Amino acid sequence: DKPVPRELLARIPSSLPALLDIPGVGPKSVKALYEDLRIRNMVKNRHLAKGIMNSGWAYFRTHLAHKAAEAGRVVVLVDPAYTSQICSACGNRFPEHLSLSIRHVSCPCGLSLDRDINAARNILRAGRARWEPTSALAGVSQEAAPF
């Protein structure tokens, strides 16, 4: 695997606004939403380490935060714990341990889909919870804290 060129990583955040200004996803102040991945733990896995270290993830993350700040926006980080192991339809945890080779998940509630799509739905829900006011705070403005 070749390292991802920095020029490519630098171009990605500038194309994100058009992709992420989706009605109903969040306030305009939120420009990006992603898992706060624990890279240090991921590189302990010898099968993942080389690809992760070559991916330029830290550079991308820093560049994205910088571009968001320039645009007056914040980046919302979501805890990655169990995002792919919890059913996005009912909230139950899948019964078996999901190895990385398992790409499809099924739940007794009837949900059956790709595990990455399930995780993306859980990440979106967790991100929304950080910026949407609860019923107890109805009418009170809430913004996600920058990292």
Protein backbone atom coordinates (compact mmCIF):
# COMPACT_ATOMS: atom_id res chain seq x y z
CA ASP A 1 0.00 0.00 0.00
CA LYS A 2 1.26 3.44 -0.92
CA PRO A 3 0.75 6.37 1.45
CA VAL A 4 -2.12 8.67 0.56
CA PRO A 5 -0.65 11.84 -1.01
CA ARG A 6 -1.07 14.96 1.14
CA GLU A 7 -2.30 16.91 -1.89
CA LEU A 8 -5.26 14.54 -2.16
CA LEU A 9 -5.98 14.75 1.57
CA ALA A 10 -5.83 18.55 1.39
CA ARG A 11 -8.44 18.64 -1.40
CA ILE A 12 -11.01 16.47 0.39
CA PRO A 13 -12.16 18.97 3.08
CA SER A 14 -12.79 21.69 0.50
CA SER A 15 -15.24 19.40 -1.30
CA LEU A 16 -17.08 18.40 1.88
CA PRO A 17 -19.40 21.43 2.22
CA ALA A 18 -21.44 20.45 -0.84
CA LEU A 19 -21.68 16.88 0.39
CA LEU A 20 -22.54 17.67 4.00
CA ASP A 21 -25.06 20.53 3.66
CA ILE A 22 -27.89 18.02 3.66
CA PRO A 23 -31.31 19.27 4.85
CA GLY A 24 -32.30 17.74 8.17
CA VAL A 25 -28.83 16.52 9.10
CA GLY A 26 -27.93 19.37 11.42
CA PRO A 27 -27.50 23.10 11.79
CA LYS A 28 -25.35 24.96 9.27
CA SER A 29 -22.69 25.41 11.97
CA VAL A 30 -21.99 21.66 11.86
CA LYS A 31 -19.95 20.88 8.78
CA ALA A 32 -18.54 17.42 9.44
CA LEU A 33 -19.41 14.48 11.63
CA TYR A 34 -17.22 11.44 12.13
CA GLU A 35 -16.05 8.86 14.62
CA ASP A 36 -13.29 9.89 16.99
CA LEU A 37 -11.29 6.79 16.05
CA ARG A 38 -8.74 5.50 18.50
CA ILE A 39 -5.84 5.25 16.07
CA ARG A 40 -3.38 4.22 18.80
CA ASN A 41 -5.49 1.13 19.54
CA MET A 42 -6.07 0.35 15.87
CA VAL A 43 -2.37 0.21 15.02
CA LYS A 44 -1.89 -2.49 17.65
CA ASN A 45 -3.65 -4.83 15.21
CA ARG A 46 -0.83 -6.02 12.95
CA HIS A 47 -3.27 -6.51 10.05
CA LEU A 48 -4.42 -2.87 10.17
CA ALA A 49 -1.29 -1.05 11.31
CA LYS A 50 0.49 -0.43 8.01
CA GLY A 51 -2.61 0.81 6.18
CA ILE A 52 -3.61 3.09 9.03
CA MET A 53 -0.16 4.59 9.44
CA ASN A 54 0.01 5.26 5.68
CA SER A 55 -3.47 6.75 5.48
CA GLY A 56 -2.61 10.27 6.64
CA TRP A 57 -5.56 10.22 9.04
CA ALA A 58 -3.99 12.68 11.50
CA TYR A 59 -3.20 15.14 8.70
CA PHE A 60 -6.71 14.86 7.27
CA ARG A 61 -8.29 15.38 10.69
CA THR A 62 -6.18 18.47 11.41
CA HIS A 63 -6.80 19.90 7.94
CA LEU A 64 -10.55 19.30 8.23
CA ALA A 65 -10.69 21.08 11.61
CA HIS A 66 -8.73 24.01 10.18
CA LYS A 67 -11.02 24.32 7.14
CA ALA A 68 -14.11 24.08 9.35
CA ALA A 69 -12.78 26.84 11.63
CA GLU A 70 -12.07 29.06 8.61
CA ALA A 71 -15.69 28.61 7.54
CA GLY A 72 -16.99 29.30 11.06
CA ARG A 73 -18.05 25.70 11.50
CA VAL A 74 -17.23 22.96 13.98
CA VAL A 75 -16.37 19.31 13.55
CA VAL A 76 -18.42 16.96 15.71
CA LEU A 77 -16.56 13.87 16.92
CA VAL A 78 -18.56 10.81 17.90
CA ASP A 79 -17.38 8.10 20.30
CA PRO A 80 -16.68 5.03 18.14
CA ALA A 81 -17.66 2.54 20.84
CA TYR A 82 -20.13 -0.04 19.48
CA THR A 83 -21.24 2.02 16.45
CA SER A 84 -21.16 -1.09 14.26
CA GLN A 85 -22.34 -3.47 16.99
CA ILE A 86 -25.63 -1.74 17.90
CA CYS A 87 -28.73 -2.06 15.75
CA SER A 88 -29.55 1.33 14.23
CA ALA A 89 -33.26 0.44 14.15
CA CYS A 90 -33.96 -0.82 17.68
CA GLY A 91 -30.80 0.00 19.67
CA ASN A 92 -30.09 -3.57 20.76
CA ARG A 93 -26.54 -4.87 20.67
CA PHE A 94 -25.93 -7.67 18.18
CA PRO A 95 -25.62 -10.99 20.02
CA GLU A 96 -22.31 -12.21 18.60
CA HIS A 97 -18.92 -10.52 18.48
CA LEU A 98 -18.52 -9.01 15.02
CA SER A 99 -15.10 -9.61 13.51
CA LEU A 100 -13.96 -7.25 10.75
CA SER A 101 -14.61 -9.99 8.17
CA ILE A 102 -18.37 -9.87 8.89
CA ARG A 103 -19.73 -7.20 6.54
CA HIS A 104 -23.49 -7.78 6.93
CA VAL A 105 -25.53 -7.57 10.14
CA SER A 106 -28.99 -8.89 10.97
CA CYS A 107 -31.05 -8.15 14.07
CA PRO A 108 -34.05 -10.00 15.53
CA CYS A 109 -36.04 -6.76 15.01
CA GLY A 110 -35.81 -7.40 11.25
CA LEU A 111 -33.03 -4.99 10.29
CA SER A 112 -30.59 -6.51 7.81
CA LEU A 113 -27.93 -4.37 6.11
CA ASP A 114 -24.23 -3.66 5.57
CA ARG A 115 -22.47 -3.07 8.89
CA ASP A 116 -20.89 0.18 7.65
CA ILE A 117 -24.31 1.63 6.79
CA ASN A 118 -25.59 0.55 10.20
CA ALA A 119 -22.58 2.23 11.85
CA ALA A 120 -23.09 5.41 9.79
CA ARG A 121 -26.69 5.63 11.01
CA ASN A 122 -25.52 5.23 14.61
CA ILE A 123 -22.84 7.90 14.12
CA LEU A 124 -25.43 10.30 12.69
CA ARG A 125 -27.79 9.64 15.61
CA ALA A 126 -25.00 10.19 18.17
CA GLY A 127 -23.89 13.38 16.41
CA ARG A 128 -27.44 14.73 16.32
CA ALA A 129 -27.74 14.06 20.04
CA ARG A 130 -24.80 16.43 20.59
CA TRP A 131 -26.43 19.39 18.84
CA GLU A 132 -30.22 18.91 19.08
CA PRO A 133 -31.91 20.29 22.19
CA THR A 134 -33.73 17.78 24.38
CA SER A 135 -37.36 18.24 25.38
CA ALA A 136 -36.19 19.50 28.78
CA LEU A 137 -34.25 22.24 27.02
CA ALA A 138 -36.87 23.09 24.40
CA GLY A 139 -36.23 26.52 22.97
CA VAL A 140 -32.66 26.67 24.27
CA SER A 141 -30.02 26.87 21.54
CA GLN A 142 -27.32 24.21 21.70
CA GLU A 143 -24.13 24.00 19.65
CA ALA A 144 -21.64 21.17 19.44
CA ALA A 145 -18.39 21.92 21.21
CA PRO A 146 -15.34 22.12 18.94
CA PHE A 147 -12.53 19.69 19.73
